Structures are given as structure tokens and as C-alpha cells.
């Protein structure tokens, strides 16, 4: 399968200026260090890392909001350092940010969703089809005439996703899209992006610090201090409880419970990821007893 995202020694540095002893001092900060990573089209990849690890910087590279200091990043075959391909890249990979208020620009929901296609020069009739389809895809049909300011945080994030969908990207990058939402809003957003991946074949790159949101991913990538330090399926990565904690990360609560039970000598699988799996394991344990 073709790659949506491909990196070769992707490195990114930025400069920080601060005052020391009455003088301005500038130093370089290495945010990404020789990242070599491929993300296949149609896959769902979760990217994890503590604050300042480089995961959000990586997300911004996918949408060409920042460009490599060295190395190369291809999005759908386009080199992000080539200015000629910027619009192709941003049509291929849409971006959803943490705070939906920073992404919503219009006073009516359907007008906001239409904003992207309008800026792409799409014909009005096609824009209408895209807007209706995108709003339907996120389950917000009854709010198309509403004011975004009156919607809940979860509903606003759905509208932000719809605005990206209306531009017909092949990939959506979501940079901690549920960080400002309550549990119900978080679940709604994750359900939507999971469905878009499974039913529509959209490539999903999810940046998150909520471990339970990663369980349905095809692959997890852990970034620490600008380096890829772990990579694999959720069962391969999340079961490594001690290693995850060494990088300042948690694991799903049921996974940690299974880990602690095993430490006490209880014969329970280590790779439990969901409450349903935990219930099944406990029932089988009772049968053995």
C-alpha cells in the first residue's frame, strides 16, 4: 500500500532567545531528530509523547505549517520543502487543532464548513454538496443553521472536522482534538474519526495524551525528546507499562490493572486494553477456579 506520510531523517530545529546577565542569548532547540517513519494510506496512527516531546511539531510538518531543517518529508508523494506543492499538500492532509474556536471563522455552521472549499475555488453547486456531506458525516445536520458560539465544545470540534472534510483530504491530522472536551465530547470525536477511517478510508494521524483513544489505532508511535522511541500495534506498545511510564506516559486504566494483578501472581493476560476484555478475562479466571 502507498504511503501517505514518509519521512527520511526528518530533523527540525528552532531558535529560542532569552536574557542572561543582561544580554540576549540565542540557542537552538532540537524538536525532531532524524525521524524515519512511514504512514500508509488508509491507516490510523496514534502519536504519543509527553509535553514538549515533539509530537505536535511532527503534526505541523504533515500539514506543511513548518518545514524540515534537514531531511525530507513527503505527503502523498509531495516534498513539503517545495513551495510549488504547498496547496497540493494541504489539500491532501487537513489539520484539526486542539481548540476548535481557533479554527471556526464564520457565524453560521454551514458557512464555516463552506469556508475551505470556497478558498479552493470550488464551484458553488459542488460546495453545497460537500458542505451537506461533511455536516452529515459528523452528525450535525440539525445544527447547520446554528451559530457555532452557541454549541458545546464537542459540537464545535465536530464542525471543525466537517470543515476539513469539506476540502476532501485523504488524510486528517488531529492535534490533541479532545484535550478541551468532557468525556462525552471526547468519545463522540473519537467515534467520528474511527468511522471516517474504517468506512471512508481516510488516513488518520491522531496526536493525543489520552491512552484509551489509542486502543482502536492500527499503530502507535511514541516520540520522546524528538526521537521515535517506540512503535507497534496498541497491544505491542501499551503492554510495556514500565517503559511507557519511563517516557512520562500512562497506559489505559484496565491495562495497568492487569499489569498490577499479574505482579501479584494472578494469571490474567497482560495485553488487556478495554473494560470488555477485562470482564472476559475475570470470567475465565473464575471458571478456572
C-alpha atoms as a PDB file:
ATOM      1  CA  UNK A   1       0.000   0.000   0.000  1.00  0.00           C
ATOM      2  CA  UNK A   2       1.247   3.511  -0.840  1.00  0.00           C
ATOM      3  CA  UNK A   3       2.449   5.866   1.876  1.00  0.00           C
ATOM      4  CA  UNK A   4       0.518   8.984   2.818  1.00  0.00           C
ATOM      5  CA  UNK A   5       3.369  10.195   5.027  1.00  0.00           C
ATOM      6  CA  UNK A   6       7.014   9.288   4.509  1.00  0.00           C
ATOM      7  CA  UNK A   7       9.976  10.795   6.320  1.00  0.00           C
ATOM      8  CA  UNK A   8      13.685  10.397   5.750  1.00  0.00           C
ATOM      9  CA  UNK A   9      15.928  11.694   8.544  1.00  0.00           C
ATOM     10  CA  UNK A  10      13.378  14.410   9.334  1.00  0.00           C
ATOM     11  CA  UNK A  11      15.030  16.930  11.641  1.00  0.00           C
ATOM     12  CA  UNK A  12      13.665  20.227  12.915  1.00  0.00           C
ATOM     13  CA  UNK A  13      15.414  22.873  14.996  1.00  0.00           C
ATOM     14  CA  UNK A  14      14.150  26.218  16.190  1.00  0.00           C
ATOM     15  CA  UNK A  15      15.802  29.124  17.958  1.00  0.00           C
ATOM     16  CA  UNK A  16      14.959  30.444  21.402  1.00  0.00           C
ATOM     17  CA  UNK A  17      16.160  33.836  22.602  1.00  0.00           C
ATOM     18  CA  UNK A  18      16.328  34.663  26.301  1.00  0.00           C
ATOM     19  CA  UNK A  19      18.083  37.118  28.566  1.00  0.00           C
ATOM     20  CA  UNK A  20      21.067  36.112  30.671  1.00  0.00           C
ATOM     21  CA  UNK A  21      23.258  38.502  32.634  1.00  0.00           C
ATOM     22  CA  UNK A  22      21.692  41.446  30.850  1.00  0.00           C
ATOM     23  CA  UNK A  23      22.377  40.042  27.366  1.00  0.00           C
ATOM     24  CA  UNK A  24      20.155  38.310  24.838  1.00  0.00           C
ATOM     25  CA  UNK A  25      21.267  34.747  24.266  1.00  0.00           C
ATOM     26  CA  UNK A  26      20.024  32.614  21.376  1.00  0.00           C
ATOM     27  CA  UNK A  27      20.193  28.853  21.420  1.00  0.00           C
ATOM     28  CA  UNK A  28      18.968  26.104  19.106  1.00  0.00           C
ATOM     29  CA  UNK A  29      16.408  23.585  20.305  1.00  0.00           C
ATOM     30  CA  UNK A  30      16.212  20.202  18.587  1.00  0.00           C
ATOM     31  CA  UNK A  31      12.494  19.365  18.334  1.00  0.00           C
ATOM     32  CA  UNK A  32      12.701  16.404  15.919  1.00  0.00           C
ATOM     33  CA  UNK A  33      15.783  14.266  15.449  1.00  0.00           C
ATOM     34  CA  UNK A  34      16.282  12.096  12.358  1.00  0.00           C
ATOM     35  CA  UNK A  35      12.722  10.765  12.223  1.00  0.00           C
ATOM     36  CA  UNK A  36      12.237   7.882   9.790  1.00  0.00           C
ATOM     37  CA  UNK A  37       8.578   6.990   9.695  1.00  0.00           C
ATOM     38  CA  UNK A  38       6.051   5.805   7.120  1.00  0.00           C
ATOM     39  CA  UNK A  39       2.272   6.084   7.476  1.00  0.00           C
ATOM     40  CA  UNK A  40       0.292   4.068   4.954  1.00  0.00           C
ATOM     41  CA  UNK A  41      -2.771   5.421   3.201  1.00  0.00           C
ATOM     42  CA  UNK A  42      -5.952   4.357   4.951  1.00  0.00           C
ATOM     43  CA  UNK A  43      -4.254   3.624   8.266  1.00  0.00           C
ATOM     44  CA  UNK A  44      -4.991   5.007  11.732  1.00  0.00           C
ATOM     45  CA  UNK A  45      -1.832   6.023  13.590  1.00  0.00           C
ATOM     46  CA  UNK A  46      -1.753   7.472  17.112  1.00  0.00           C
ATOM     47  CA  UNK A  47       1.266   9.579  18.057  1.00  0.00           C
ATOM     48  CA  UNK A  48       2.079   9.835  21.772  1.00  0.00           C
ATOM     49  CA  UNK A  49       4.560  11.822  23.809  1.00  0.00           C
ATOM     50  CA  UNK A  50       4.814  13.967  26.918  1.00  0.00           C
ATOM     51  CA  UNK A  51       4.522  17.755  26.682  1.00  0.00           C
ATOM     52  CA  UNK A  52       7.446  19.101  24.688  1.00  0.00           C
ATOM     53  CA  UNK A  53       8.288  15.699  23.180  1.00  0.00           C
ATOM     54  CA  UNK A  54       7.915  16.901  19.585  1.00  0.00           C
ATOM     55  CA  UNK A  55       4.632  15.192  18.698  1.00  0.00           C
ATOM     56  CA  UNK A  56       2.767  18.422  17.844  1.00  0.00           C
ATOM     57  CA  UNK A  57       5.764  19.661  15.856  1.00  0.00           C
ATOM     58  CA  UNK A  58       5.571  16.445  13.843  1.00  0.00           C
ATOM     59  CA  UNK A  59       1.849  17.047  13.236  1.00  0.00           C
ATOM     60  CA  UNK A  60       2.508  20.547  11.910  1.00  0.00           C
ATOM     61  CA  UNK A  61       5.064  19.151   9.463  1.00  0.00           C
ATOM     62  CA  UNK A  62       2.414  16.906   7.917  1.00  0.00           C
ATOM     63  CA  UNK A  63       0.328  19.954   7.008  1.00  0.00           C
ATOM     64  CA  UNK A  64       3.477  21.889   5.940  1.00  0.00           C
ATOM     65  CA  UNK A  65       2.883  24.512   8.617  1.00  0.00           C
ATOM     66  CA  UNK A  66       6.567  24.104   9.383  1.00  0.00           C
ATOM     67  CA  UNK A  67       9.307  22.661   7.186  1.00  0.00           C
ATOM     68  CA  UNK A  68      12.233  20.378   7.968  1.00  0.00           C
ATOM     69  CA  UNK A  69      15.530  21.918   8.971  1.00  0.00           C
ATOM     70  CA  UNK A  70      17.102  18.899   7.295  1.00  0.00           C
ATOM     71  CA  UNK A  71      15.909  15.593   5.935  1.00  0.00           C
ATOM     72  CA  UNK A  72      12.748  15.152   3.862  1.00  0.00           C
ATOM     73  CA  UNK A  73       9.036  14.709   4.433  1.00  0.00           C
ATOM     74  CA  UNK A  74       6.727  13.580   1.646  1.00  0.00           C
ATOM     75  CA  UNK A  75       2.950  13.927   1.910  1.00  0.00           C
ATOM     76  CA  UNK A  76       1.120  11.889  -0.706  1.00  0.00           C
ATOM     77  CA  UNK A  77       4.352  11.968  -2.709  1.00  0.00           C
ATOM     78  CA  UNK A  78       4.851  15.748  -2.423  1.00  0.00           C
ATOM     79  CA  UNK A  79       8.050  17.108  -0.847  1.00  0.00           C
ATOM     80  CA  UNK A  80       6.978  19.617   1.833  1.00  0.00           C
ATOM     81  CA  UNK A  81      10.067  21.766   1.274  1.00  0.00           C
ATOM     82  CA  UNK A  82       8.937  22.539  -2.272  1.00  0.00           C
ATOM     83  CA  UNK A  83       6.754  25.673  -2.215  1.00  0.00           C
ATOM     84  CA  UNK A  84       5.235  24.623  -5.519  1.00  0.00           C
ATOM     85  CA  UNK A  85       3.380  21.782  -3.781  1.00  0.00           C
ATOM     86  CA  UNK A  86       2.055  23.595  -0.684  1.00  0.00           C
ATOM     87  CA  UNK A  87      -1.570  23.662  -1.831  1.00  0.00           C
ATOM     88  CA  UNK A  88      -1.410  20.050  -3.010  1.00  0.00           C
ATOM     89  CA  UNK A  89      -0.080  19.054   0.409  1.00  0.00           C
ATOM     90  CA  UNK A  90      -2.743  20.986   2.315  1.00  0.00           C
ATOM     91  CA  UNK A  91      -5.483  19.525   0.150  1.00  0.00           C
ATOM     92  CA  UNK A  92      -4.080  16.051   0.788  1.00  0.00           C
ATOM     93  CA  UNK A  93      -3.719  16.467   4.562  1.00  0.00           C
ATOM     94  CA  UNK A  94      -6.202  18.503   6.581  1.00  0.00           C
ATOM     95  CA  UNK A  95      -5.496  19.685  10.129  1.00  0.00           C
ATOM     96  CA  UNK A  96      -7.760  19.792  13.183  1.00  0.00           C
ATOM     97  CA  UNK A  97      -6.386  21.688  16.189  1.00  0.00           C
ATOM     98  CA  UNK A  98      -6.867  21.364  19.931  1.00  0.00           C
ATOM     99  CA  UNK A  99      -9.125  24.397  20.316  1.00  0.00           C
ATOM    100  CA  UNK A 100     -11.989  24.442  17.772  1.00  0.00           C
ATOM    101  CA  UNK A 101     -12.549  28.155  18.419  1.00  0.00           C
ATOM    102  CA  UNK A 102      -9.220  28.798  16.706  1.00  0.00           C
ATOM    103  CA  UNK A 103     -10.453  27.049  13.572  1.00  0.00           C
ATOM    104  CA  UNK A 104     -14.035  28.305  13.282  1.00  0.00           C
ATOM    105  CA  UNK A 105     -14.260  31.548  11.303  1.00  0.00           C
ATOM    106  CA  UNK A 106     -17.937  32.053  10.365  1.00  0.00           C
ATOM    107  CA  UNK A 107     -21.042  32.879  12.399  1.00  0.00           C
ATOM    108  CA  UNK A 108     -23.220  30.114  10.915  1.00  0.00           C
ATOM    109  CA  UNK A 109     -22.234  26.429  10.900  1.00  0.00           C
ATOM    110  CA  UNK A 110     -22.798  25.714   7.201  1.00  0.00           C
ATOM    111  CA  UNK A 111     -20.973  28.920   6.215  1.00  0.00           C
ATOM    112  CA  UNK A 112     -17.990  27.871   8.308  1.00  0.00           C
ATOM    113  CA  UNK A 113     -17.874  24.419   6.708  1.00  0.00           C
ATOM    114  CA  UNK A 114     -18.034  26.074   3.273  1.00  0.00           C
ATOM    115  CA  UNK A 115     -15.100  28.387   4.011  1.00  0.00           C
ATOM    116  CA  UNK A 116     -12.371  25.935   2.956  1.00  0.00           C
ATOM    117  CA  UNK A 117     -13.909  24.828  -0.356  1.00  0.00           C
ATOM    118  CA  UNK A 118     -14.664  28.459  -1.232  1.00  0.00           C
ATOM    119  CA  UNK A 119     -10.996  29.321  -0.794  1.00  0.00           C
ATOM    120  CA  UNK A 120     -10.083  26.411  -3.044  1.00  0.00           C
ATOM    121  CA  UNK A 121     -12.213  27.943  -5.821  1.00  0.00           C
ATOM    122  CA  UNK A 122     -14.749  25.092  -5.896  1.00  0.00           C
ATOM    123  CA  UNK A 123     -17.947  25.671  -7.869  1.00  0.00           C
ATOM    124  CA  UNK A 124     -20.971  26.719  -5.704  1.00  0.00           C
ATOM    125  CA  UNK A 125     -23.023  23.623  -6.555  1.00  0.00           C
ATOM    126  CA  UNK A 126     -20.136  21.347  -5.575  1.00  0.00           C
ATOM    127  CA  UNK A 127     -19.567  23.346  -2.384  1.00  0.00           C
ATOM    128  CA  UNK A 128     -23.186  22.761  -1.373  1.00  0.00           C
ATOM    129  CA  UNK A 129     -22.777  19.007  -1.880  1.00  0.00           C
ATOM    130  CA  UNK A 130     -19.546  18.967   0.090  1.00  0.00           C
ATOM    131  CA  UNK A 131     -20.975  21.020   2.952  1.00  0.00           C
ATOM    132  CA  UNK A 132     -24.074  18.833   3.267  1.00  0.00           C
ATOM    133  CA  UNK A 133     -21.988  15.659   3.086  1.00  0.00           C
ATOM    134  CA  UNK A 134     -19.432  16.860   5.636  1.00  0.00           C
ATOM    135  CA  UNK A 135     -22.051  18.047   8.127  1.00  0.00           C
ATOM    136  CA  UNK A 136     -23.890  14.731   7.746  1.00  0.00           C
ATOM    137  CA  UNK A 137     -20.652  12.785   8.258  1.00  0.00           C
ATOM    138  CA  UNK A 138     -20.169  14.337  11.705  1.00  0.00           C
ATOM    139  CA  UNK A 139     -23.851  14.050  12.674  1.00  0.00           C
ATOM    140  CA  UNK A 140     -24.562  17.780  12.885  1.00  0.00           C
ATOM    141  CA  UNK A 141     -27.393  18.142  10.331  1.00  0.00           C
ATOM    142  CA  UNK A 142     -29.776  19.727  12.821  1.00  0.00           C
ATOM    143  CA  UNK A 143     -27.250  22.437  13.642  1.00  0.00           C
ATOM    144  CA  UNK A 144     -26.322  23.576  10.118  1.00  0.00           C
ATOM    145  CA  UNK A 145     -28.126  26.931  10.586  1.00  0.00           C
ATOM    146  CA  UNK A 146     -26.874  27.391  14.164  1.00  0.00           C
ATOM    147  CA  UNK A 147     -24.266  29.784  15.490  1.00  0.00           C
ATOM    148  CA  UNK A 148     -21.055  27.957  16.449  1.00  0.00           C
ATOM    149  CA  UNK A 149     -20.713  30.180  19.522  1.00  0.00           C
ATOM    150  CA  UNK A 150     -23.820  28.538  20.990  1.00  0.00           C
ATOM    151  CA  UNK A 151     -22.568  24.963  20.519  1.00  0.00           C
ATOM    152  CA  UNK A 152     -20.790  22.800  23.074  1.00  0.00           C
ATOM    153  CA  UNK A 153     -17.060  22.147  22.819  1.00  0.00           C
ATOM    154  CA  UNK A 154     -17.635  18.689  21.365  1.00  0.00           C
ATOM    155  CA  UNK A 155     -20.085  20.033  18.789  1.00  0.00           C
ATOM    156  CA  UNK A 156     -17.635  22.766  17.798  1.00  0.00           C
ATOM    157  CA  UNK A 157     -14.932  20.158  17.279  1.00  0.00           C
ATOM    158  CA  UNK A 158     -17.300  18.196  15.029  1.00  0.00           C
ATOM    159  CA  UNK A 159     -17.790  21.353  12.961  1.00  0.00           C
ATOM    160  CA  UNK A 160     -14.022  21.849  12.753  1.00  0.00           C
ATOM    161  CA  UNK A 161     -13.703  18.276  11.460  1.00  0.00           C
ATOM    162  CA  UNK A 162     -16.532  18.889   8.970  1.00  0.00           C
ATOM    163  CA  UNK A 163     -14.725  21.981   7.693  1.00  0.00           C
ATOM    164  CA  UNK A 164     -11.684  19.836   6.942  1.00  0.00           C
ATOM    165  CA  UNK A 165     -13.771  17.031   5.411  1.00  0.00           C
ATOM    166  CA  UNK A 166     -15.393  19.506   3.007  1.00  0.00           C
ATOM    167  CA  UNK A 167     -11.993  20.049   1.399  1.00  0.00           C
ATOM    168  CA  UNK A 168     -11.850  16.319   0.544  1.00  0.00           C
ATOM    169  CA  UNK A 169      -8.475  15.450   2.077  1.00  0.00           C
ATOM    170  CA  UNK A 170      -7.094  11.919   2.003  1.00  0.00           C
ATOM    171  CA  UNK A 171      -5.580  12.379   5.458  1.00  0.00           C
ATOM    172  CA  UNK A 172      -6.683  14.188   8.607  1.00  0.00           C
ATOM    173  CA  UNK A 173      -4.172  15.147  11.274  1.00  0.00           C
ATOM    174  CA  UNK A 174      -5.744  15.831  14.672  1.00  0.00           C
ATOM    175  CA  UNK A 175      -3.529  17.584  17.208  1.00  0.00           C
ATOM    176  CA  UNK A 176      -4.996  16.717  20.624  1.00  0.00           C
ATOM    177  CA  UNK A 177      -8.553  17.369  19.374  1.00  0.00           C
ATOM    178  CA  UNK A 178     -10.213  16.191  22.603  1.00  0.00           C
ATOM    179  CA  UNK A 179      -7.957  17.939  25.133  1.00  0.00           C
ATOM    180  CA  UNK A 180     -10.577  20.600  25.910  1.00  0.00           C
ATOM    181  CA  UNK A 181     -13.624  18.312  25.858  1.00  0.00           C
ATOM    182  CA  UNK A 182     -15.591  16.445  28.511  1.00  0.00           C
ATOM    183  CA  UNK A 183     -15.661  12.610  28.376  1.00  0.00           C
ATOM    184  CA  UNK A 184     -18.838  12.506  26.270  1.00  0.00           C
ATOM    185  CA  UNK A 185     -17.439  15.012  23.773  1.00  0.00           C
ATOM    186  CA  UNK A 186     -14.170  13.067  23.624  1.00  0.00           C
ATOM    187  CA  UNK A 187     -15.988   9.840  22.857  1.00  0.00           C
ATOM    188  CA  UNK A 188     -18.062  11.485  20.104  1.00  0.00           C
ATOM    189  CA  UNK A 189     -14.973  12.867  18.354  1.00  0.00           C
ATOM    190  CA  UNK A 190     -13.059   9.573  18.555  1.00  0.00           C
ATOM    191  CA  UNK A 191     -16.110   7.649  17.286  1.00  0.00           C
ATOM    192  CA  UNK A 192     -16.342  10.002  14.300  1.00  0.00           C
ATOM    193  CA  UNK A 193     -12.687   9.765  13.290  1.00  0.00           C
ATOM    194  CA  UNK A 194     -12.723   5.987  13.757  1.00  0.00           C
ATOM    195  CA  UNK A 195     -15.742   5.712  11.484  1.00  0.00           C
ATOM    196  CA  UNK A 196     -14.157   8.009   8.873  1.00  0.00           C
ATOM    197  CA  UNK A 197     -11.114   5.752   8.887  1.00  0.00           C
ATOM    198  CA  UNK A 198     -12.979   2.441   8.705  1.00  0.00           C
ATOM    199  CA  UNK A 199     -15.827   3.418   6.383  1.00  0.00           C
ATOM    200  CA  UNK A 200     -14.348   6.216   4.258  1.00  0.00           C
ATOM    201  CA  UNK A 201     -10.741   5.002   4.175  1.00  0.00           C
ATOM    202  CA  UNK A 202      -9.344   8.317   5.428  1.00  0.00           C
ATOM    203  CA  UNK A 203      -5.835   8.218   6.827  1.00  0.00           C
ATOM    204  CA  UNK A 204      -5.953   9.358  10.454  1.00  0.00           C
ATOM    205  CA  UNK A 205      -2.981  10.727  12.394  1.00  0.00           C
ATOM    206  CA  UNK A 206      -4.102  11.340  15.972  1.00  0.00           C
ATOM    207  CA  UNK A 207      -1.896  13.253  18.402  1.00  0.00           C
ATOM    208  CA  UNK A 208      -3.183  12.571  21.910  1.00  0.00           C
ATOM    209  CA  UNK A 209      -2.288  12.067  25.557  1.00  0.00           C
ATOM    210  CA  UNK A 210      -5.420  10.049  26.351  1.00  0.00           C
ATOM    211  CA  UNK A 211      -4.314   6.426  26.209  1.00  0.00           C
ATOM    212  CA  UNK A 212      -7.810   4.990  25.761  1.00  0.00           C
ATOM    213  CA  UNK A 213      -8.104   6.911  22.472  1.00  0.00           C
ATOM    214  CA  UNK A 214      -5.232   4.894  21.006  1.00  0.00           C
ATOM    215  CA  UNK A 215      -6.742   1.430  21.511  1.00  0.00           C
ATOM    216  CA  UNK A 216      -8.506   1.432  18.125  1.00  0.00           C
ATOM    217  CA  UNK A 217      -5.457   2.604  16.169  1.00  0.00           C
ATOM    218  CA  UNK A 218      -3.591   0.381  13.744  1.00  0.00           C
ATOM    219  CA  UNK A 219      -0.284   1.617  15.099  1.00  0.00           C
ATOM    220  CA  UNK A 220       1.136   3.686  17.927  1.00  0.00           C
ATOM    221  CA  UNK A 221       4.246   5.834  17.616  1.00  0.00           C
ATOM    222  CA  UNK A 222       5.869   7.216  20.770  1.00  0.00           C
ATOM    223  CA  UNK A 223       8.080  10.299  20.471  1.00  0.00           C
ATOM    224  CA  UNK A 224      10.395  11.361  23.289  1.00  0.00           C
ATOM    225  CA  UNK A 225      12.694  14.378  23.104  1.00  0.00           C
ATOM    226  CA  UNK A 226      12.326  14.468  19.322  1.00  0.00           C
ATOM    227  CA  UNK A 227      13.101  10.777  18.776  1.00  0.00           C
ATOM    228  CA  UNK A 228      10.841   7.861  17.866  1.00  0.00           C
ATOM    229  CA  UNK A 229      11.406   5.546  20.836  1.00  0.00           C
ATOM    230  CA  UNK A 230       8.553   3.030  20.496  1.00  0.00           C
ATOM    231  CA  UNK A 231       6.435   1.815  17.610  1.00  0.00           C
ATOM    232  CA  UNK A 232       3.971  -1.024  17.109  1.00  0.00           C
ATOM    233  CA  UNK A 233       0.348  -2.089  17.476  1.00  0.00           C
ATOM    234  CA  UNK A 234      -1.549  -0.932  20.574  1.00  0.00           C
ATOM    235  CA  UNK A 235      -1.112  -4.374  22.151  1.00  0.00           C
ATOM    236  CA  UNK A 236       2.619  -4.347  21.477  1.00  0.00           C
ATOM    237  CA  UNK A 237       3.175  -0.835  22.845  1.00  0.00           C
ATOM    238  CA  UNK A 238       0.681  -0.358  25.674  1.00  0.00           C
ATOM    239  CA  UNK A 239       1.550  -3.652  27.365  1.00  0.00           C
ATOM    240  CA  UNK A 240       5.016  -2.212  28.119  1.00  0.00           C
ATOM    241  CA  UNK A 241       3.794  -0.387  31.201  1.00  0.00           C
ATOM    242  CA  UNK A 242       7.149   0.357  32.823  1.00  0.00           C
ATOM    243  CA  UNK A 243       8.666   1.581  29.578  1.00  0.00           C
ATOM    244  CA  UNK A 244       5.690   3.842  28.851  1.00  0.00           C
ATOM    245  CA  UNK A 245       5.945   5.334  32.325  1.00  0.00           C
ATOM    246  CA  UNK A 246       9.670   5.945  31.809  1.00  0.00           C
ATOM    247  CA  UNK A 247       8.671   8.283  28.967  1.00  0.00           C
ATOM    248  CA  UNK A 248       6.176  10.116  31.171  1.00  0.00           C
ATOM    249  CA  UNK A 249       3.139   8.367  29.696  1.00  0.00           C
ATOM    250  CA  UNK A 250       0.266   6.357  31.124  1.00  0.00           C
ATOM    251  CA  UNK A 251      -1.464   3.280  29.743  1.00  0.00           C
ATOM    252  CA  UNK A 252      -5.215   2.543  29.669  1.00  0.00           C
ATOM    253  CA  UNK A 253      -6.501   2.033  33.211  1.00  0.00           C
ATOM    254  CA  UNK A 254      -7.547  -1.576  32.593  1.00  0.00           C
ATOM    255  CA  UNK A 255      -4.095  -2.347  31.164  1.00  0.00           C
ATOM    256  CA  UNK A 256      -2.461  -1.054  34.326  1.00  0.00           C
ATOM    257  CA  UNK A 257      -4.900  -3.047  36.475  1.00  0.00           C
ATOM    258  CA  UNK A 258      -3.978  -6.212  34.561  1.00  0.00           C
ATOM    259  CA  UNK A 259      -0.304  -5.350  34.998  1.00  0.00           C
ATOM    260  CA  UNK A 260      -0.697  -4.974  38.769  1.00  0.00           C
ATOM    261  CA  UNK A 261      -2.745  -8.176  39.065  1.00  0.00           C
ATOM    262  CA  UNK A 262      -0.042 -10.120  37.249  1.00  0.00           C
ATOM    263  CA  UNK A 263       2.558  -8.702  39.630  1.00  0.00           C
ATOM    264  CA  UNK A 264       0.520 -10.232  42.449  1.00  0.00           C
ATOM    265  CA  UNK A 265       0.659 -13.621  40.735  1.00  0.00           C
ATOM    266  CA  UNK A 266      -2.846 -13.617  39.263  1.00  0.00           C
ATOM    267  CA  UNK A 267      -2.994 -15.416  35.916  1.00  0.00           C
ATOM    268  CA  UNK A 268      -4.542 -12.737  33.722  1.00  0.00           C
ATOM    269  CA  UNK A 269      -3.480 -11.635  30.189  1.00  0.00           C
ATOM    270  CA  UNK A 270      -1.033  -8.723  30.086  1.00  0.00           C
ATOM    271  CA  UNK A 271      -2.398  -7.202  26.871  1.00  0.00           C
ATOM    272  CA  UNK A 272      -5.865  -6.215  28.097  1.00  0.00           C
ATOM    273  CA  UNK A 273      -6.879  -2.906  26.509  1.00  0.00           C
ATOM    274  CA  UNK A 274     -10.620  -2.499  27.152  1.00  0.00           C
ATOM    275  CA  UNK A 275     -13.086  -2.995  30.022  1.00  0.00           C
ATOM    276  CA  UNK A 276     -14.823  -5.689  27.964  1.00  0.00           C
ATOM    277  CA  UNK A 277     -11.583  -7.645  27.688  1.00  0.00           C
ATOM    278  CA  UNK A 278     -11.052  -7.299  31.436  1.00  0.00           C
ATOM    279  CA  UNK A 279     -14.537  -8.632  32.200  1.00  0.00           C
ATOM    280  CA  UNK A 280     -13.943 -11.594  29.876  1.00  0.00           C
ATOM    281  CA  UNK A 281     -10.571 -12.343  31.498  1.00  0.00           C
ATOM    282  CA  UNK A 282     -12.065 -12.246  35.009  1.00  0.00           C
ATOM    283  CA  UNK A 283     -14.915 -14.537  33.967  1.00  0.00           C
ATOM    284  CA  UNK A 284     -12.454 -17.053  32.527  1.00  0.00           C
ATOM    285  CA  UNK A 285     -10.398 -16.796  35.700  1.00  0.00           C
ATOM    286  CA  UNK A 286     -13.456 -17.670  37.797  1.00  0.00           C
ATOM    287  CA  UNK A 287     -14.185 -20.670  35.578  1.00  0.00           C
ATOM    288  CA  UNK A 288     -10.675 -21.976  36.162  1.00  0.00           C
ATOM    289  CA  UNK A 289     -11.125 -21.616  39.905  1.00  0.00           C
END
